Amino acid sequence: MATQAKPRRKVPRAVREGQMLEVARRTFGTRGYHDVSMDEIAEAVGISKPMLYAYFDSKEGLLVACMEKGERLLEDAVRTAVLEGGTPEQRLWRGLLAVFEFFDEHPDLFAIAYATTLTSETFAEAAARGRAAMSQLLTGLFVDTALGAGVGADAAREAEPLAHALTGATIALLAWSAGRPEEPRELHALRLMNFAWMGLDNLVRGQLWIPPTDEEEPRS
């Protein structure tokens, strides 16, 4: 009597979706959006192209899903680092270091979310959400650091625009550091920490830069 073949186990949707996003993220990040086809992503995952479309509707939808997955992973990485405790200064340092460690381990996510040249409205909105998510993450970290360092509640409200500025500086330094793989990520994070902490420390001490009047000599 012939032995009946065992029925194939159905892969849970969440697992299958994760497999699709993993392959798509690596492929888009390495070769770029336009040079990758849905056929090759489906083949690499081991599924049919219709199944890929059933999950993400379009190639554009697949890339946006990769961007959103990256945002969640980054948030988890930074929050985990910050929750280790310590002084506000130490938490800010660990949070910034976690950003550099994350993108050092996932350069494809940086290429997808922050180094893309895609200009469609859908991509622009997704990129804006990603930057907003990073700004929100850094705002919470920056406000916590400011309050813990002695900045009054009113002054701490200035942390939000400063956090947006820090977001831009972080993205710029991440892009700059990509061309210098011989330099350790800790060094880049240290540069950013000094950029942020020195300004915050001056704010705590009440040492604010104010433009000189016409009668005053420029400050050296």
N, C-alpha and C. Protein backbone atom coordinates (compact mmCIF):
# COMPACT_ATOMS: atom_id res chain seq x y z
N MET A 1 0.85 -1.19 0.00
CA MET A 1 0.00 0.00 0.00
C MET A 1 0.89 1.24 0.00
N ALA A 2 0.61 2.13 -0.94
CA ALA A 2 1.42 3.33 -1.07
C ALA A 2 1.22 4.25 0.13
N THR A 3 2.31 4.84 0.58
CA THR A 3 2.24 5.77 1.69
C THR A 3 1.74 7.13 1.21
N GLN A 4 0.75 7.62 1.89
CA GLN A 4 0.21 8.92 1.50
C GLN A 4 1.16 10.04 1.92
N ALA A 5 1.32 11.00 1.03
CA ALA A 5 2.17 12.15 1.35
C ALA A 5 1.53 12.98 2.45
N LYS A 6 2.35 13.45 3.35
CA LYS A 6 1.83 14.30 4.42
C LYS A 6 1.40 15.65 3.86
N PRO A 7 0.27 16.13 4.32
CA PRO A 7 -0.17 17.44 3.83
C PRO A 7 0.82 18.53 4.26
N ARG A 8 1.04 19.49 3.39
CA ARG A 8 1.95 20.59 3.69
C ARG A 8 1.33 21.49 4.75
N ARG A 9 2.14 21.84 5.72
CA ARG A 9 1.65 22.72 6.78
C ARG A 9 1.54 24.14 6.25
N LYS A 10 0.44 24.77 6.59
CA LYS A 10 0.22 26.13 6.14
C LYS A 10 1.06 27.09 6.98
N VAL A 11 1.80 27.95 6.30
CA VAL A 11 2.63 28.93 7.00
C VAL A 11 1.73 30.04 7.53
N PRO A 12 1.81 30.37 8.83
CA PRO A 12 0.98 31.45 9.38
C PRO A 12 1.20 32.76 8.61
N ARG A 13 0.15 33.54 8.50
CA ARG A 13 0.21 34.77 7.72
C ARG A 13 1.33 35.70 8.21
N ALA A 14 1.44 35.86 9.52
CA ALA A 14 2.45 36.77 10.06
C ALA A 14 3.86 36.31 9.69
N VAL A 15 4.09 35.00 9.71
CA VAL A 15 5.40 34.46 9.37
C VAL A 15 5.68 34.67 7.89
N ARG A 16 4.69 34.37 7.06
CA ARG A 16 4.85 34.54 5.62
C ARG A 16 5.11 36.01 5.27
N GLU A 17 4.36 36.89 5.90
CA GLU A 17 4.55 38.32 5.63
C GLU A 17 5.95 38.77 6.03
N GLY A 18 6.43 38.28 7.17
CA GLY A 18 7.78 38.62 7.59
C GLY A 18 8.83 38.13 6.61
N GLN A 19 8.63 36.95 6.04
CA GLN A 19 9.56 36.42 5.05
C GLN A 19 9.59 37.30 3.80
N MET A 20 8.41 37.73 3.36
CA MET A 20 8.33 38.60 2.19
C MET A 20 9.05 39.92 2.43
N LEU A 21 8.80 40.51 3.60
CA LEU A 21 9.40 41.80 3.91
C LEU A 21 10.91 41.69 4.05
N GLU A 22 11.39 40.60 4.61
CA GLU A 22 12.83 40.40 4.78
C GLU A 22 13.53 40.35 3.43
N VAL A 23 12.98 39.57 2.52
CA VAL A 23 13.58 39.45 1.18
C VAL A 23 13.46 40.78 0.43
N ALA A 24 12.30 41.40 0.48
CA ALA A 24 12.10 42.66 -0.24
C ALA A 24 13.01 43.75 0.31
N ARG A 25 13.16 43.80 1.62
CA ARG A 25 14.01 44.83 2.23
C ARG A 25 15.45 44.70 1.76
N ARG A 26 15.97 43.48 1.80
CA ARG A 26 17.35 43.26 1.36
C ARG A 26 17.51 43.60 -0.12
N THR A 27 16.56 43.19 -0.92
CA THR A 27 16.67 43.37 -2.37
C THR A 27 16.52 44.84 -2.76
N PHE A 28 15.50 45.51 -2.23
CA PHE A 28 15.32 46.93 -2.52
C PHE A 28 16.52 47.74 -2.01
N GLY A 29 16.98 47.42 -0.80
CA GLY A 29 18.07 48.18 -0.20
C GLY A 29 19.37 48.02 -0.93
N THR A 30 19.59 46.85 -1.53
CA THR A 30 20.85 46.57 -2.22
C THR A 30 20.85 47.10 -3.65
N ARG A 31 19.74 46.91 -4.35
CA ARG A 31 19.74 47.20 -5.79
C ARG A 31 18.85 48.36 -6.19
N GLY A 32 18.02 48.82 -5.28
CA GLY A 32 17.14 49.94 -5.63
C GLY A 32 15.78 49.48 -6.09
N TYR A 33 14.81 50.32 -5.92
CA TYR A 33 13.41 49.99 -6.20
C TYR A 33 13.18 49.61 -7.66
N HIS A 34 13.69 50.42 -8.57
CA HIS A 34 13.35 50.24 -9.98
C HIS A 34 13.99 49.00 -10.60
N ASP A 35 15.10 48.53 -10.03
CA ASP A 35 15.80 47.39 -10.61
C ASP A 35 15.34 46.05 -10.06
N VAL A 36 14.31 46.07 -9.23
CA VAL A 36 13.81 44.84 -8.61
C VAL A 36 12.39 44.57 -9.10
N SER A 37 12.12 43.32 -9.43
CA SER A 37 10.78 42.95 -9.89
C SER A 37 10.05 42.13 -8.83
N MET A 38 8.74 42.18 -8.90
CA MET A 38 7.93 41.37 -7.99
C MET A 38 8.14 39.89 -8.26
N ASP A 39 8.43 39.53 -9.52
CA ASP A 39 8.68 38.13 -9.86
C ASP A 39 9.88 37.58 -9.09
N GLU A 40 10.97 38.35 -9.05
CA GLU A 40 12.16 37.81 -8.39
C GLU A 40 12.01 37.78 -6.88
N ILE A 41 11.24 38.73 -6.32
CA ILE A 41 11.00 38.68 -4.88
C ILE A 41 10.16 37.46 -4.53
N ALA A 42 9.11 37.21 -5.33
CA ALA A 42 8.26 36.04 -5.09
C ALA A 42 9.06 34.75 -5.20
N GLU A 43 9.91 34.69 -6.21
CA GLU A 43 10.73 33.48 -6.41
C GLU A 43 11.68 33.27 -5.24
N ALA A 44 12.30 34.37 -4.75
CA ALA A 44 13.24 34.25 -3.64
C ALA A 44 12.56 33.81 -2.36
N VAL A 45 11.30 34.22 -2.16
CA VAL A 45 10.55 33.82 -0.97
C VAL A 45 10.03 32.40 -1.11
N GLY A 46 9.81 31.98 -2.37
CA GLY A 46 9.24 30.66 -2.60
C GLY A 46 7.73 30.67 -2.64
N ILE A 47 7.17 31.76 -3.15
CA ILE A 47 5.72 31.89 -3.26
C ILE A 47 5.37 32.34 -4.68
N SER A 48 4.08 32.42 -4.96
CA SER A 48 3.65 32.91 -6.26
C SER A 48 3.55 34.43 -6.25
N LYS A 49 3.67 35.03 -7.43
CA LYS A 49 3.54 36.48 -7.51
C LYS A 49 2.14 36.94 -7.10
N PRO A 50 1.06 36.22 -7.48
CA PRO A 50 -0.27 36.63 -7.00
C PRO A 50 -0.38 36.69 -5.48
N MET A 51 0.31 35.78 -4.77
CA MET A 51 0.27 35.82 -3.31
C MET A 51 0.95 37.09 -2.80
N LEU A 52 2.05 37.47 -3.43
CA LEU A 52 2.75 38.70 -3.04
C LEU A 52 1.84 39.91 -3.21
N TYR A 53 1.12 39.94 -4.32
CA TYR A 53 0.18 41.04 -4.56
C TYR A 53 -0.99 40.99 -3.59
N ALA A 54 -1.39 39.79 -3.21
CA ALA A 54 -2.51 39.66 -2.27
C ALA A 54 -2.17 40.26 -0.91
N TYR A 55 -0.91 40.18 -0.54
CA TYR A 55 -0.48 40.72 0.76
C TYR A 55 -0.26 42.23 0.71
N PHE A 56 0.32 42.73 -0.39
CA PHE A 56 0.76 44.12 -0.41
C PHE A 56 0.14 44.97 -1.52
N ASP A 57 -0.66 44.37 -2.35
CA ASP A 57 -1.43 45.07 -3.38
C ASP A 57 -0.59 45.53 -4.56
N SER A 58 0.64 46.00 -4.32
CA SER A 58 1.47 46.52 -5.40
C SER A 58 2.93 46.52 -4.96
N LYS A 59 3.79 46.74 -5.92
CA LYS A 59 5.21 46.86 -5.61
C LYS A 59 5.46 48.08 -4.71
N GLU A 60 4.74 49.13 -5.00
CA GLU A 60 4.83 50.35 -4.18
C GLU A 60 4.39 50.06 -2.75
N GLY A 61 3.29 49.32 -2.61
CA GLY A 61 2.81 48.96 -1.28
C GLY A 61 3.79 48.09 -0.52
N LEU A 62 4.52 47.24 -1.24
CA LEU A 62 5.52 46.38 -0.61
C LEU A 62 6.67 47.23 -0.06
N LEU A 63 7.13 48.21 -0.83
CA LEU A 63 8.23 49.06 -0.35
C LEU A 63 7.80 49.88 0.87
N VAL A 64 6.58 50.42 0.82
CA VAL A 64 6.08 51.19 1.96
C VAL A 64 6.00 50.31 3.20
N ALA A 65 5.57 49.05 3.03
CA ALA A 65 5.50 48.13 4.16
C ALA A 65 6.89 47.87 4.73
N CYS A 66 7.91 47.81 3.88
CA CYS A 66 9.29 47.65 4.34
C CYS A 66 9.72 48.86 5.16
N MET A 67 9.35 50.05 4.70
CA MET A 67 9.70 51.27 5.42
C MET A 67 9.04 51.30 6.80
N GLU A 68 7.77 50.94 6.85
CA GLU A 68 7.04 50.96 8.12
C GLU A 68 7.57 49.90 9.09
N LYS A 69 7.95 48.75 8.57
CA LYS A 69 8.54 47.71 9.42
C LYS A 69 9.86 48.20 10.00
N GLY A 70 10.64 48.90 9.19
CA GLY A 70 11.90 49.45 9.67
C GLY A 70 11.70 50.46 10.78
N GLU A 71 10.67 51.29 10.67
CA GLU A 71 10.37 52.27 11.72
C GLU A 71 10.10 51.57 13.05
N ARG A 72 9.31 50.52 13.01
CA ARG A 72 8.97 49.81 14.25
C ARG A 72 10.21 49.15 14.86
N LEU A 73 11.05 48.58 14.02
CA LEU A 73 12.26 47.93 14.52
C LEU A 73 13.21 48.95 15.15
N LEU A 74 13.33 50.13 14.53
CA LEU A 74 14.19 51.18 15.08
C LEU A 74 13.65 51.66 16.42
N GLU A 75 12.35 51.88 16.50
CA GLU A 75 11.75 52.32 17.76
C GLU A 75 12.01 51.31 18.87
N ASP A 76 11.85 50.03 18.56
CA ASP A 76 12.09 48.99 19.56
C ASP A 76 13.55 48.99 20.02
N ALA A 77 14.47 49.17 19.07
CA ALA A 77 15.89 49.14 19.40
C ALA A 77 16.26 50.30 20.32
N VAL A 78 15.77 51.49 20.01
CA VAL A 78 16.10 52.67 20.82
C VAL A 78 15.46 52.59 22.19
N ARG A 79 14.20 52.19 22.24
CA ARG A 79 13.51 52.09 23.54
C ARG A 79 14.19 51.05 24.43
N THR A 80 14.59 49.93 23.85
CA THR A 80 15.27 48.90 24.63
C THR A 80 16.57 49.45 25.22
N ALA A 81 17.31 50.21 24.43
CA ALA A 81 18.57 50.78 24.91
C ALA A 81 18.34 51.79 26.02
N VAL A 82 17.31 52.62 25.87
CA VAL A 82 17.05 53.69 26.84
C VAL A 82 16.53 53.12 28.16
N LEU A 83 15.78 52.02 28.08
CA LEU A 83 15.19 51.44 29.28
C LEU A 83 16.20 50.80 30.21
N GLU A 84 17.45 50.75 29.80
CA GLU A 84 18.47 50.18 30.67
C GLU A 84 18.73 51.06 31.88
N GLY A 85 18.19 52.29 31.87
CA GLY A 85 18.33 53.17 33.04
C GLY A 85 19.58 54.00 32.99
N GLY A 86 19.94 54.56 34.17
CA GLY A 86 21.09 55.43 34.24
C GLY A 86 20.68 56.89 34.27
N THR A 87 21.64 57.77 34.18
CA THR A 87 21.36 59.21 34.20
C THR A 87 20.73 59.63 32.87
N PRO A 88 20.10 60.80 32.84
CA PRO A 88 19.56 61.29 31.57
C PRO A 88 20.62 61.37 30.48
N GLU A 89 21.81 61.80 30.87
CA GLU A 89 22.92 61.89 29.93
C GLU A 89 23.26 60.52 29.35
N GLN A 90 23.28 59.50 30.21
CA GLN A 90 23.60 58.15 29.76
C GLN A 90 22.50 57.59 28.86
N ARG A 91 21.24 57.91 29.19
CA ARG A 91 20.13 57.42 28.36
C ARG A 91 20.16 58.04 26.97
N LEU A 92 20.47 59.34 26.90
CA LEU A 92 20.58 60.00 25.60
C LEU A 92 21.71 59.37 24.79
N TRP A 93 22.84 59.11 25.42
CA TRP A 93 23.97 58.49 24.74
C TRP A 93 23.60 57.12 24.21
N ARG A 94 22.96 56.30 25.06
CA ARG A 94 22.60 54.96 24.62
C ARG A 94 21.57 54.99 23.50
N GLY A 95 20.64 55.94 23.57
CA GLY A 95 19.65 56.06 22.52
C GLY A 95 20.27 56.42 21.18
N LEU A 96 21.20 57.39 21.17
CA LEU A 96 21.86 57.78 19.93
C LEU A 96 22.74 56.65 19.41
N LEU A 97 23.45 55.99 20.32
CA LEU A 97 24.28 54.86 19.90
C LEU A 97 23.44 53.75 19.30
N ALA A 98 22.25 53.52 19.87
CA ALA A 98 21.36 52.48 19.35
C ALA A 98 20.94 52.77 17.91
N VAL A 99 20.75 54.06 17.57
CA VAL A 99 20.39 54.43 16.20
C VAL A 99 21.51 54.03 15.25
N PHE A 100 22.75 54.34 15.60
CA PHE A 100 23.87 54.01 14.73
C PHE A 100 24.11 52.51 14.66
N GLU A 101 23.94 51.81 15.77
CA GLU A 101 24.09 50.36 15.76
C GLU A 101 23.01 49.72 14.88
N PHE A 102 21.80 50.27 14.96
CA PHE A 102 20.69 49.70 14.19
C PHE A 102 20.96 49.81 12.69
N PHE A 103 21.34 51.00 12.24
CA PHE A 103 21.54 51.17 10.80
C PHE A 103 22.85 50.57 10.33
N ASP A 104 23.79 50.35 11.25
CA ASP A 104 25.00 49.62 10.90
C ASP A 104 24.66 48.16 10.60
N GLU A 105 23.69 47.63 11.34
CA GLU A 105 23.26 46.25 11.15
C GLU A 105 22.21 46.13 10.05
N HIS A 106 21.51 47.23 9.73
CA HIS A 106 20.47 47.21 8.70
C HIS A 106 20.66 48.35 7.71
N PRO A 107 21.77 48.36 6.98
CA PRO A 107 22.00 49.45 6.02
C PRO A 107 20.94 49.51 4.93
N ASP A 108 20.33 48.37 4.64
CA ASP A 108 19.28 48.36 3.62
C ASP A 108 18.09 49.20 4.05
N LEU A 109 17.78 49.22 5.34
CA LEU A 109 16.66 50.03 5.81
C LEU A 109 16.95 51.51 5.69
N PHE A 110 18.19 51.91 5.91
CA PHE A 110 18.54 53.32 5.72
C PHE A 110 18.41 53.70 4.25
N ALA A 111 18.86 52.82 3.36
CA ALA A 111 18.77 53.09 1.93
C ALA A 111 17.32 53.23 1.49
N ILE A 112 16.44 52.42 2.06
CA ILE A 112 15.03 52.46 1.69
C ILE A 112 14.34 53.70 2.25
N ALA A 113 14.59 54.00 3.52
CA ALA A 113 13.81 55.04 4.20
C ALA A 113 14.38 56.44 4.05
N TYR A 114 15.70 56.57 4.00
CA TYR A 114 16.29 57.91 4.07
C TYR A 114 17.18 58.28 2.90
N ALA A 115 17.63 57.31 2.13
CA ALA A 115 18.51 57.62 1.01
C ALA A 115 17.82 57.41 -0.33
N THR A 116 16.52 57.18 -0.31
CA THR A 116 15.80 56.96 -1.55
C THR A 116 15.61 58.26 -2.33
N THR A 117 15.60 58.15 -3.64
CA THR A 117 15.34 59.31 -4.50
C THR A 117 13.96 59.24 -5.13
N LEU A 118 13.14 58.32 -4.65
CA LEU A 118 11.79 58.17 -5.19
C LEU A 118 10.96 59.40 -4.84
N THR A 119 10.13 59.82 -5.78
CA THR A 119 9.42 61.10 -5.61
C THR A 119 7.90 60.99 -5.66
N SER A 120 7.35 59.81 -5.75
CA SER A 120 5.89 59.71 -5.81
C SER A 120 5.27 60.18 -4.51
N GLU A 121 4.02 60.57 -4.56
CA GLU A 121 3.33 61.07 -3.37
C GLU A 121 3.29 60.01 -2.27
N THR A 122 3.07 58.77 -2.66
CA THR A 122 3.01 57.69 -1.67
C THR A 122 4.34 57.54 -0.94
N PHE A 123 5.44 57.54 -1.69
CA PHE A 123 6.76 57.40 -1.07
C PHE A 123 7.09 58.62 -0.22
N ALA A 124 6.74 59.81 -0.73
CA ALA A 124 7.02 61.03 0.02
C ALA A 124 6.29 61.03 1.36
N GLU A 125 5.04 60.59 1.35
CA GLU A 125 4.28 60.53 2.59
C GLU A 125 4.86 59.50 3.55
N ALA A 126 5.28 58.35 3.02
CA ALA A 126 5.86 57.31 3.87
C ALA A 126 7.18 57.78 4.47
N ALA A 127 8.00 58.47 3.66
CA ALA A 127 9.28 58.98 4.16
C ALA A 127 9.04 60.04 5.23
N ALA A 128 8.02 60.88 5.03
CA ALA A 128 7.70 61.92 6.02
C ALA A 128 7.25 61.28 7.33
N ARG A 129 6.47 60.21 7.23
CA ARG A 129 6.04 59.51 8.45
C ARG A 129 7.25 58.92 9.17
N GLY A 130 8.21 58.40 8.42
CA GLY A 130 9.40 57.82 9.03
C GLY A 130 10.22 58.87 9.76
N ARG A 131 10.39 60.03 9.14
CA ARG A 131 11.14 61.10 9.80
C ARG A 131 10.39 61.61 11.02
N ALA A 132 9.07 61.69 10.90
CA ALA A 132 8.26 62.13 12.05
C ALA A 132 8.37 61.14 13.20
N ALA A 133 8.39 59.85 12.87
CA ALA A 133 8.51 58.83 13.91
C ALA A 133 9.85 58.94 14.62
N MET A 134 10.94 59.16 13.85
CA MET A 134 12.24 59.33 14.48
C MET A 134 12.28 60.60 15.32
N SER A 135 11.66 61.69 14.82
CA SER A 135 11.63 62.93 15.58
C SER A 135 10.86 62.76 16.88
N GLN A 136 9.75 62.05 16.83
CA GLN A 136 8.97 61.80 18.04
C GLN A 136 9.77 60.99 19.04
N LEU A 137 10.50 60.01 18.54
CA LEU A 137 11.34 59.18 19.40
C LEU A 137 12.41 60.03 20.07
N LEU A 138 13.09 60.88 19.29
CA LEU A 138 14.15 61.71 19.84
C LEU A 138 13.60 62.83 20.72
N THR A 139 12.37 63.30 20.41
CA THR A 139 11.77 64.34 21.24
C THR A 139 11.56 63.83 22.65
N GLY A 140 10.97 62.63 22.77
CA GLY A 140 10.75 62.06 24.09
C GLY A 140 12.05 61.87 24.83
N LEU A 141 13.07 61.40 24.13
CA LEU A 141 14.37 61.18 24.75
C LEU A 141 15.02 62.50 25.15
N PHE A 142 14.89 63.50 24.29
CA PHE A 142 15.51 64.80 24.54
C PHE A 142 14.81 65.53 25.69
N VAL A 143 13.49 65.48 25.73
CA VAL A 143 12.74 66.13 26.82
C VAL A 143 13.09 65.48 28.14
N ASP A 144 13.12 64.15 28.16
CA ASP A 144 13.47 63.43 29.38
C ASP A 144 14.86 63.82 29.85
N THR A 145 15.79 63.93 28.90
CA THR A 145 17.16 64.31 29.24
C THR A 145 17.21 65.74 29.77
N ALA A 146 16.48 66.64 29.11
CA ALA A 146 16.48 68.05 29.53
C ALA A 146 15.92 68.21 30.93
N LEU A 147 14.79 67.58 31.20
CA LEU A 147 14.18 67.68 32.53
C LEU A 147 15.10 67.07 33.59
N GLY A 148 15.67 65.93 33.27
CA GLY A 148 16.55 65.27 34.22
C GLY A 148 17.83 66.03 34.48
N ALA A 149 18.23 66.85 33.50
CA ALA A 149 19.46 67.63 33.65
C ALA A 149 19.22 68.97 34.32
N GLY A 150 17.96 69.28 34.61
CA GLY A 150 17.68 70.51 35.34
C GLY A 150 17.04 71.61 34.55
N VAL A 151 16.70 71.37 33.31
CA VAL A 151 16.02 72.39 32.51
C VAL A 151 14.58 72.50 32.99
N GLY A 152 14.09 73.73 33.17
CA GLY A 152 12.72 73.92 33.61
C GLY A 152 11.73 73.43 32.58
N ALA A 153 10.49 73.18 33.05
CA ALA A 153 9.46 72.61 32.17
C ALA A 153 9.19 73.51 30.98
N ASP A 154 9.18 74.86 31.19
CA ASP A 154 8.92 75.78 30.08
C ASP A 154 10.03 75.69 29.04
N ALA A 155 11.26 75.70 29.52
CA ALA A 155 12.39 75.62 28.59
C ALA A 155 12.44 74.26 27.90
N ALA A 156 12.01 73.23 28.60
CA ALA A 156 12.06 71.88 28.02
C ALA A 156 11.15 71.75 26.81
N ARG A 157 10.14 72.64 26.73
CA ARG A 157 9.26 72.59 25.57
C ARG A 157 10.01 72.90 24.28
N GLU A 158 11.14 73.58 24.41
CA GLU A 158 11.97 73.85 23.24
C GLU A 158 12.64 72.58 22.74
N ALA A 159 12.51 71.50 23.50
CA ALA A 159 13.13 70.24 23.09
C ALA A 159 12.53 69.72 21.79
N GLU A 160 11.25 70.00 21.54
CA GLU A 160 10.62 69.44 20.33
C GLU A 160 11.28 69.97 19.05
N PRO A 161 11.40 71.30 18.86
CA PRO A 161 12.09 71.74 17.65
C PRO A 161 13.56 71.32 17.61
N LEU A 162 14.19 71.28 18.80
CA LEU A 162 15.58 70.83 18.84
C LEU A 162 15.70 69.36 18.45
N ALA A 163 14.70 68.56 18.85
CA ALA A 163 14.71 67.14 18.49
C ALA A 163 14.55 66.97 16.98
N HIS A 164 13.75 67.82 16.36
CA HIS A 164 13.62 67.76 14.90
C HIS A 164 14.96 68.12 14.24
N ALA A 165 15.64 69.12 14.81
CA ALA A 165 16.96 69.47 14.29
C ALA A 165 17.94 68.31 14.48
N LEU A 166 17.84 67.65 15.64
CA LEU A 166 18.70 66.50 15.92
C LEU A 166 18.40 65.34 14.97
N THR A 167 17.13 65.20 14.60
CA THR A 167 16.77 64.16 13.64
C THR A 167 17.47 64.39 12.31
N GLY A 168 17.41 65.65 11.83
CA GLY A 168 18.09 65.97 10.59
C GLY A 168 19.59 65.74 10.68
N ALA A 169 20.18 66.12 11.82
CA ALA A 169 21.61 65.92 12.01
C ALA A 169 21.94 64.43 12.05
N THR A 170 21.08 63.65 12.69
CA THR A 170 21.31 62.20 12.78
C THR A 170 21.30 61.56 11.40
N ILE A 171 20.29 61.90 10.60
CA ILE A 171 20.18 61.33 9.25
C ILE A 171 21.37 61.75 8.40
N ALA A 172 21.76 63.03 8.51
CA ALA A 172 22.90 63.52 7.73
C ALA A 172 24.19 62.80 8.13
N LEU A 173 24.38 62.59 9.43
CA LEU A 173 25.60 61.93 9.89
C LEU A 173 25.59 60.45 9.53
N LEU A 174 24.42 59.83 9.56
CA LEU A 174 24.32 58.44 9.13
C LEU A 174 24.71 58.30 7.66
N ALA A 175 24.24 59.22 6.83
CA ALA A 175 24.58 59.19 5.41
C ALA A 175 26.07 59.44 5.21
N TRP A 176 26.62 60.40 5.96
CA TRP A 176 28.05 60.72 5.84
C TRP A 176 28.90 59.55 6.30
N SER A 177 28.51 58.91 7.38
CA SER A 177 29.31 57.82 7.93
C SER A 177 29.28 56.57 7.06
N ALA A 178 28.27 56.46 6.20
CA ALA A 178 28.18 55.28 5.33
C ALA A 178 29.39 55.19 4.40
N GLY A 179 29.98 56.33 4.07
CA GLY A 179 31.15 56.33 3.20
C GLY A 179 32.46 56.16 3.94
N ARG A 180 32.36 55.93 5.25
CA ARG A 180 33.56 55.75 6.08
C ARG A 180 33.41 54.50 6.95
N PRO A 181 33.32 53.35 6.32
CA PRO A 181 33.08 52.11 7.08
C PRO A 181 34.22 51.75 8.02
N GLU A 182 35.41 52.35 7.82
CA GLU A 182 36.54 52.04 8.70
C GLU A 182 36.40 52.71 10.06
N GLU A 183 35.52 53.70 10.17
CA GLU A 183 35.32 54.39 11.44
C GLU A 183 34.21 53.70 12.23
N PRO A 184 34.44 53.42 13.52
CA PRO A 184 33.43 52.69 14.31
C PRO A 184 32.18 53.52 14.55
N ARG A 185 31.06 52.83 14.67
CA ARG A 185 29.78 53.52 14.88
C ARG A 185 29.78 54.31 16.18
N GLU A 186 30.55 53.82 17.19
CA GLU A 186 30.62 54.54 18.45
C GLU A 186 31.19 55.95 18.26
N LEU A 187 32.13 56.09 17.32
CA LEU A 187 32.73 57.40 17.06
C LEU A 187 31.69 58.35 16.47
N HIS A 188 30.89 57.86 15.54
CA HIS A 188 29.87 58.71 14.94
C HIS A 188 28.80 59.09 15.97
N ALA A 189 28.42 58.13 16.80
CA ALA A 189 27.45 58.44 17.84
C ALA A 189 28.03 59.44 18.84
N LEU A 190 29.31 59.33 19.12
CA LEU A 190 29.97 60.26 20.04
C LEU A 190 29.97 61.67 19.47
N ARG A 191 30.21 61.80 18.17
CA ARG A 191 30.16 63.11 17.53
C ARG A 191 28.78 63.73 17.69
N LEU A 192 27.75 62.93 17.47
CA LEU A 192 26.40 63.44 17.58
C LEU A 192 26.05 63.77 19.03
N MET A 193 26.52 62.94 19.95
CA MET A 193 26.27 63.19 21.37
C MET A 193 26.88 64.52 21.80
N ASN A 194 28.09 64.79 21.36
CA ASN A 194 28.72 66.06 21.70
C ASN A 194 27.97 67.23 21.08
N PHE A 195 27.50 67.05 19.87
CA PHE A 195 26.73 68.08 19.19
C PHE A 195 25.45 68.39 19.98
N ALA A 196 24.79 67.35 20.48
CA ALA A 196 23.53 67.53 21.20
C ALA A 196 23.75 67.92 22.65
N TRP A 197 24.67 67.21 23.34
CA TRP A 197 24.82 67.40 24.77
C TRP A 197 25.45 68.73 25.11
N MET A 198 26.41 69.19 24.32
CA MET A 198 27.05 70.46 24.63
C MET A 198 26.04 71.60 24.55
N GLY A 199 25.16 71.54 23.55
CA GLY A 199 24.13 72.56 23.45
C GLY A 199 23.14 72.48 24.60
N LEU A 200 22.77 71.27 24.97
CA LEU A 200 21.82 71.09 26.07
C LEU A 200 22.46 71.52 27.40
N ASP A 201 23.74 71.22 27.56
CA ASP A 201 24.44 71.61 28.79
C ASP A 201 24.49 73.13 28.92
N ASN A 202 24.73 73.81 27.82
CA ASN A 202 24.73 75.28 27.85
C ASN A 202 23.35 75.81 28.21
N LEU A 203 22.31 75.14 27.71
CA LEU A 203 20.94 75.56 28.02
C LEU A 203 20.66 75.41 29.51
N VAL A 204 21.13 74.32 30.09
CA VAL A 204 20.95 74.10 31.52
C VAL A 204 21.63 75.22 32.32
N ARG A 205 22.80 75.64 31.86
CA ARG A 205 23.57 76.67 32.57
C ARG A 205 23.09 78.09 32.25
N GLY A 206 22.11 78.18 31.36
CA GLY A 206 21.62 79.50 30.99
C GLY A 206 22.55 80.23 30.05
N GLN A 207 23.46 79.52 29.42
CA GLN A 207 24.41 80.14 28.50
C GLN A 207 23.86 80.07 27.08
N LEU A 208 23.05 81.05 26.74
CA LEU A 208 22.41 81.09 25.43
C LEU A 208 23.15 82.05 24.52
N TRP A 209 23.25 81.70 23.27
CA TRP A 209 23.84 82.60 22.29
C TRP A 209 22.77 83.59 21.85
N ILE A 210 23.11 84.87 21.90
CA ILE A 210 22.19 85.93 21.48
C ILE A 210 22.90 86.79 20.45
N PRO A 211 22.26 87.10 19.33
CA PRO A 211 22.94 87.92 18.31
C PRO A 211 23.36 89.27 18.90
N PRO A 212 24.57 89.71 18.61
CA PRO A 212 25.02 91.00 19.13
C PRO A 212 24.28 92.16 18.47
N THR A 213 24.15 93.24 19.20
CA THR A 213 23.55 94.46 18.62
C THR A 213 24.59 95.14 17.74
N ASP A 214 24.14 96.16 17.02
CA ASP A 214 25.07 96.88 16.14
C ASP A 214 26.20 97.52 16.92
N GLU A 215 25.93 97.87 18.20
CA GLU A 215 26.94 98.53 19.00
C GLU A 215 27.96 97.56 19.60
N GLU A 216 27.62 96.28 19.61
CA GLU A 216 28.48 95.30 20.26
C GLU A 216 29.44 94.67 19.26
N GLU A 217 30.58 94.28 19.77
CA GLU A 217 31.53 93.54 18.97
C GLU A 217 31.05 92.09 18.85
N PRO A 218 31.21 91.45 17.69
CA PRO A 218 30.85 90.03 17.59
C PRO A 218 31.61 89.21 18.61
N ARG A 219 30.92 88.21 19.19
CA ARG A 219 31.55 87.36 20.19
C ARG A 219 32.47 86.35 19.54
N SER A 220 33.63 86.18 20.14
CA SER A 220 34.59 85.22 19.58
C SER A 220 34.31 83.84 20.15
